């Protein structure tokens, strides 16, 4: 996972040094922050993301029942609707892995240079 995130960061950074990045990660990804941070430091060391701060926004599992349209939010996958008991559920959120933003050294939003 760390290598895939680094690849996306490098593509957005276009060679510019990255100070920080923000990830949206679903609960079903089972992200262990310590393991991810170590892996990201290992694969990103010496590159544009070397030493970058990683901010993680965790997203709960959200399911929609296709029978009654009830939405259920949980920390893990459930197999039956909490309202009607049906098993025909659609995963709305929870398996996300999205690079929401990066902060490039020397720039702020709008491309203004910071000195």
C-alpha atoms as a PDB file:
ATOM      1  CA  UNK A   1       0.000   0.000   0.000  1.00  0.00           C
ATOM      2  CA  UNK A   2       2.838   2.427   0.852  1.00  0.00           C
ATOM      3  CA  UNK A   3       4.401   1.939  -2.585  1.00  0.00           C
ATOM      4  CA  UNK A   4       1.073   2.668  -4.325  1.00  0.00           C
ATOM      5  CA  UNK A   5       0.593   5.831  -2.261  1.00  0.00           C
ATOM      6  CA  UNK A   6       4.154   6.945  -3.021  1.00  0.00           C
ATOM      7  CA  UNK A   7       3.565   6.389  -6.744  1.00  0.00           C
ATOM      8  CA  UNK A   8       0.490   8.637  -6.640  1.00  0.00           C
ATOM      9  CA  UNK A   9       2.360  11.274  -4.607  1.00  0.00           C
ATOM     10  CA  UNK A  10       5.282  11.287  -7.050  1.00  0.00           C
ATOM     11  CA  UNK A  11       2.928  11.670 -10.015  1.00  0.00           C
ATOM     12  CA  UNK A  12       1.257  14.720  -8.436  1.00  0.00           C
ATOM     13  CA  UNK A  13       4.471  16.258  -7.129  1.00  0.00           C
ATOM     14  CA  UNK A  14       6.165  16.256 -10.544  1.00  0.00           C
ATOM     15  CA  UNK A  15       9.627  16.258  -8.972  1.00  0.00           C
ATOM     16  CA  UNK A  16       8.893  18.930  -6.343  1.00  0.00           C
ATOM     17  CA  UNK A  17       9.601  18.098  -2.681  1.00  0.00           C
ATOM     18  CA  UNK A  18       6.497  17.135  -0.686  1.00  0.00           C
ATOM     19  CA  UNK A  19       6.062  18.312   2.902  1.00  0.00           C
ATOM     20  CA  UNK A  20       2.775  16.566   3.693  1.00  0.00           C
ATOM     21  CA  UNK A  21       0.033  14.401   2.267  1.00  0.00           C
ATOM     22  CA  UNK A  22      -3.496  13.516   3.255  1.00  0.00           C
ATOM     23  CA  UNK A  23      -5.012  10.062   2.728  1.00  0.00           C
ATOM     24  CA  UNK A  24      -8.612   8.901   3.095  1.00  0.00           C
ATOM     25  CA  UNK A  25      -8.507   5.248   4.124  1.00  0.00           C
ATOM     26  CA  UNK A  26     -11.496   2.979   4.632  1.00  0.00           C
ATOM     27  CA  UNK A  27     -11.787   0.736   7.683  1.00  0.00           C
ATOM     28  CA  UNK A  28     -11.759  -2.355   5.464  1.00  0.00           C
ATOM     29  CA  UNK A  29      -8.186  -1.506   4.399  1.00  0.00           C
ATOM     30  CA  UNK A  30      -7.141  -2.415   7.964  1.00  0.00           C
ATOM     31  CA  UNK A  31      -4.363   0.177   7.936  1.00  0.00           C
ATOM     32  CA  UNK A  32      -1.830  -0.265  10.726  1.00  0.00           C
ATOM     33  CA  UNK A  33      -0.359   3.239  11.070  1.00  0.00           C
ATOM     34  CA  UNK A  34       2.963   2.121  12.519  1.00  0.00           C
ATOM     35  CA  UNK A  35       3.536  -0.417   9.750  1.00  0.00           C
ATOM     36  CA  UNK A  36       2.391   2.031   7.055  1.00  0.00           C
ATOM     37  CA  UNK A  37       4.586   4.854   8.384  1.00  0.00           C
ATOM     38  CA  UNK A  38       7.645   2.588   8.464  1.00  0.00           C
ATOM     39  CA  UNK A  39       6.953   1.253   4.967  1.00  0.00           C
ATOM     40  CA  UNK A  40       6.312   4.739   3.554  1.00  0.00           C
ATOM     41  CA  UNK A  41       9.565   6.032   5.069  1.00  0.00           C
ATOM     42  CA  UNK A  42      11.402   3.056   3.581  1.00  0.00           C
ATOM     43  CA  UNK A  43      10.024   3.334   0.031  1.00  0.00           C
ATOM     44  CA  UNK A  44       9.983   7.155   0.056  1.00  0.00           C
ATOM     45  CA  UNK A  45      13.418   7.704   1.563  1.00  0.00           C
ATOM     46  CA  UNK A  46      15.612   9.933  -0.587  1.00  0.00           C
ATOM     47  CA  UNK A  47      12.757  10.838  -2.951  1.00  0.00           C
ATOM     48  CA  UNK A  48      10.311  13.728  -3.224  1.00  0.00           C
ATOM     49  CA  UNK A  49       8.308  12.478  -0.216  1.00  0.00           C
ATOM     50  CA  UNK A  50      11.300  11.933   2.076  1.00  0.00           C
ATOM     51  CA  UNK A  51      10.249  13.074   5.570  1.00  0.00           C
ATOM     52  CA  UNK A  52       6.732  14.088   4.470  1.00  0.00           C
ATOM     53  CA  UNK A  53       4.045  14.156   7.175  1.00  0.00           C
ATOM     54  CA  UNK A  54       1.207  11.712   6.448  1.00  0.00           C
ATOM     55  CA  UNK A  55      -2.271  12.674   7.679  1.00  0.00           C
ATOM     56  CA  UNK A  56      -4.793   9.819   7.571  1.00  0.00           C
ATOM     57  CA  UNK A  57      -8.557  10.303   7.644  1.00  0.00           C
ATOM     58  CA  UNK A  58     -10.233   7.020   8.527  1.00  0.00           C
ATOM     59  CA  UNK A  59     -13.551   6.246   6.838  1.00  0.00           C
ATOM     60  CA  UNK A  60     -16.067   3.936   8.502  1.00  0.00           C
ATOM     61  CA  UNK A  61     -17.811   1.143   6.633  1.00  0.00           C
ATOM     62  CA  UNK A  62     -21.145   2.308   5.193  1.00  0.00           C
ATOM     63  CA  UNK A  63     -23.599  -0.150   3.668  1.00  0.00           C
ATOM     64  CA  UNK A  64     -26.931   0.417   1.929  1.00  0.00           C
ATOM     65  CA  UNK A  65     -29.656  -2.208   1.940  1.00  0.00           C
ATOM     66  CA  UNK A  66     -30.977  -2.724  -1.571  1.00  0.00           C
ATOM     67  CA  UNK A  67     -34.299  -3.971  -0.168  1.00  0.00           C
ATOM     68  CA  UNK A  68     -35.265  -1.150   2.223  1.00  0.00           C
ATOM     69  CA  UNK A  69     -32.631   1.543   1.434  1.00  0.00           C
ATOM     70  CA  UNK A  70     -31.498   1.635   5.085  1.00  0.00           C
ATOM     71  CA  UNK A  71     -27.894   2.834   5.595  1.00  0.00           C
ATOM     72  CA  UNK A  72     -25.701   1.178   8.217  1.00  0.00           C
ATOM     73  CA  UNK A  73     -22.386   2.610   9.463  1.00  0.00           C
ATOM     74  CA  UNK A  74     -19.979   0.290  11.262  1.00  0.00           C
ATOM     75  CA  UNK A  75     -16.307  -0.327  11.999  1.00  0.00           C
ATOM     76  CA  UNK A  76     -16.338  -3.556   9.999  1.00  0.00           C
ATOM     77  CA  UNK A  77     -18.361  -5.321   7.352  1.00  0.00           C
ATOM     78  CA  UNK A  78     -21.823  -6.542   8.344  1.00  0.00           C
ATOM     79  CA  UNK A  79     -23.738  -9.170   6.406  1.00  0.00           C
ATOM     80  CA  UNK A  80     -27.356  -8.320   7.199  1.00  0.00           C
ATOM     81  CA  UNK A  81     -29.375  -5.107   7.213  1.00  0.00           C
ATOM     82  CA  UNK A  82     -29.949  -3.807  10.725  1.00  0.00           C
ATOM     83  CA  UNK A  83     -33.426  -2.646   9.745  1.00  0.00           C
ATOM     84  CA  UNK A  84     -35.029  -5.438   7.696  1.00  0.00           C
ATOM     85  CA  UNK A  85     -32.526  -8.316   8.011  1.00  0.00           C
ATOM     86  CA  UNK A  86     -31.941  -8.633   4.248  1.00  0.00           C
ATOM     87  CA  UNK A  87     -28.538  -9.722   2.945  1.00  0.00           C
ATOM     88  CA  UNK A  88     -28.527  -7.737  -0.316  1.00  0.00           C
ATOM     89  CA  UNK A  89     -26.175  -4.960   0.796  1.00  0.00           C
ATOM     90  CA  UNK A  90     -24.175  -2.468  -1.245  1.00  0.00           C
ATOM     91  CA  UNK A  91     -20.839  -1.187   0.063  1.00  0.00           C
ATOM     92  CA  UNK A  92     -20.991   2.626  -0.093  1.00  0.00           C
ATOM     93  CA  UNK A  93     -17.780   3.464   1.807  1.00  0.00           C
ATOM     94  CA  UNK A  94     -15.130   1.622   3.735  1.00  0.00           C
ATOM     95  CA  UNK A  95     -12.741   0.217   1.152  1.00  0.00           C
ATOM     96  CA  UNK A  96     -11.455   3.687   0.180  1.00  0.00           C
ATOM     97  CA  UNK A  97      -7.806   4.487  -0.452  1.00  0.00           C
ATOM     98  CA  UNK A  98      -7.677   8.043  -1.780  1.00  0.00           C
ATOM     99  CA  UNK A  99      -4.809  10.511  -1.928  1.00  0.00           C
ATOM    100  CA  UNK A 100      -6.792  13.650  -1.100  1.00  0.00           C
ATOM    101  CA  UNK A 101      -3.986  16.192  -1.234  1.00  0.00           C
ATOM    102  CA  UNK A 102      -0.291  16.897  -1.095  1.00  0.00           C
ATOM    103  CA  UNK A 103       1.536  19.951   0.215  1.00  0.00           C
ATOM    104  CA  UNK A 104       4.497  20.851  -1.944  1.00  0.00           C
ATOM    105  CA  UNK A 105       7.419  22.682  -0.328  1.00  0.00           C
ATOM    106  CA  UNK A 106       7.438  26.384  -1.158  1.00  0.00           C
ATOM    107  CA  UNK A 107       3.852  26.517  -2.418  1.00  0.00           C
ATOM    108  CA  UNK A 108       0.453  27.039  -0.868  1.00  0.00           C
ATOM    109  CA  UNK A 109      -3.014  26.704  -2.362  1.00  0.00           C
ATOM    110  CA  UNK A 110      -3.327  28.769  -5.520  1.00  0.00           C
ATOM    111  CA  UNK A 111       0.322  28.317  -6.458  1.00  0.00           C
ATOM    112  CA  UNK A 112       1.588  31.280  -4.393  1.00  0.00           C
ATOM    113  CA  UNK A 113       5.238  30.949  -3.413  1.00  0.00           C
ATOM    114  CA  UNK A 114       6.062  30.996   0.285  1.00  0.00           C
ATOM    115  CA  UNK A 115       9.350  32.514   1.410  1.00  0.00           C
END
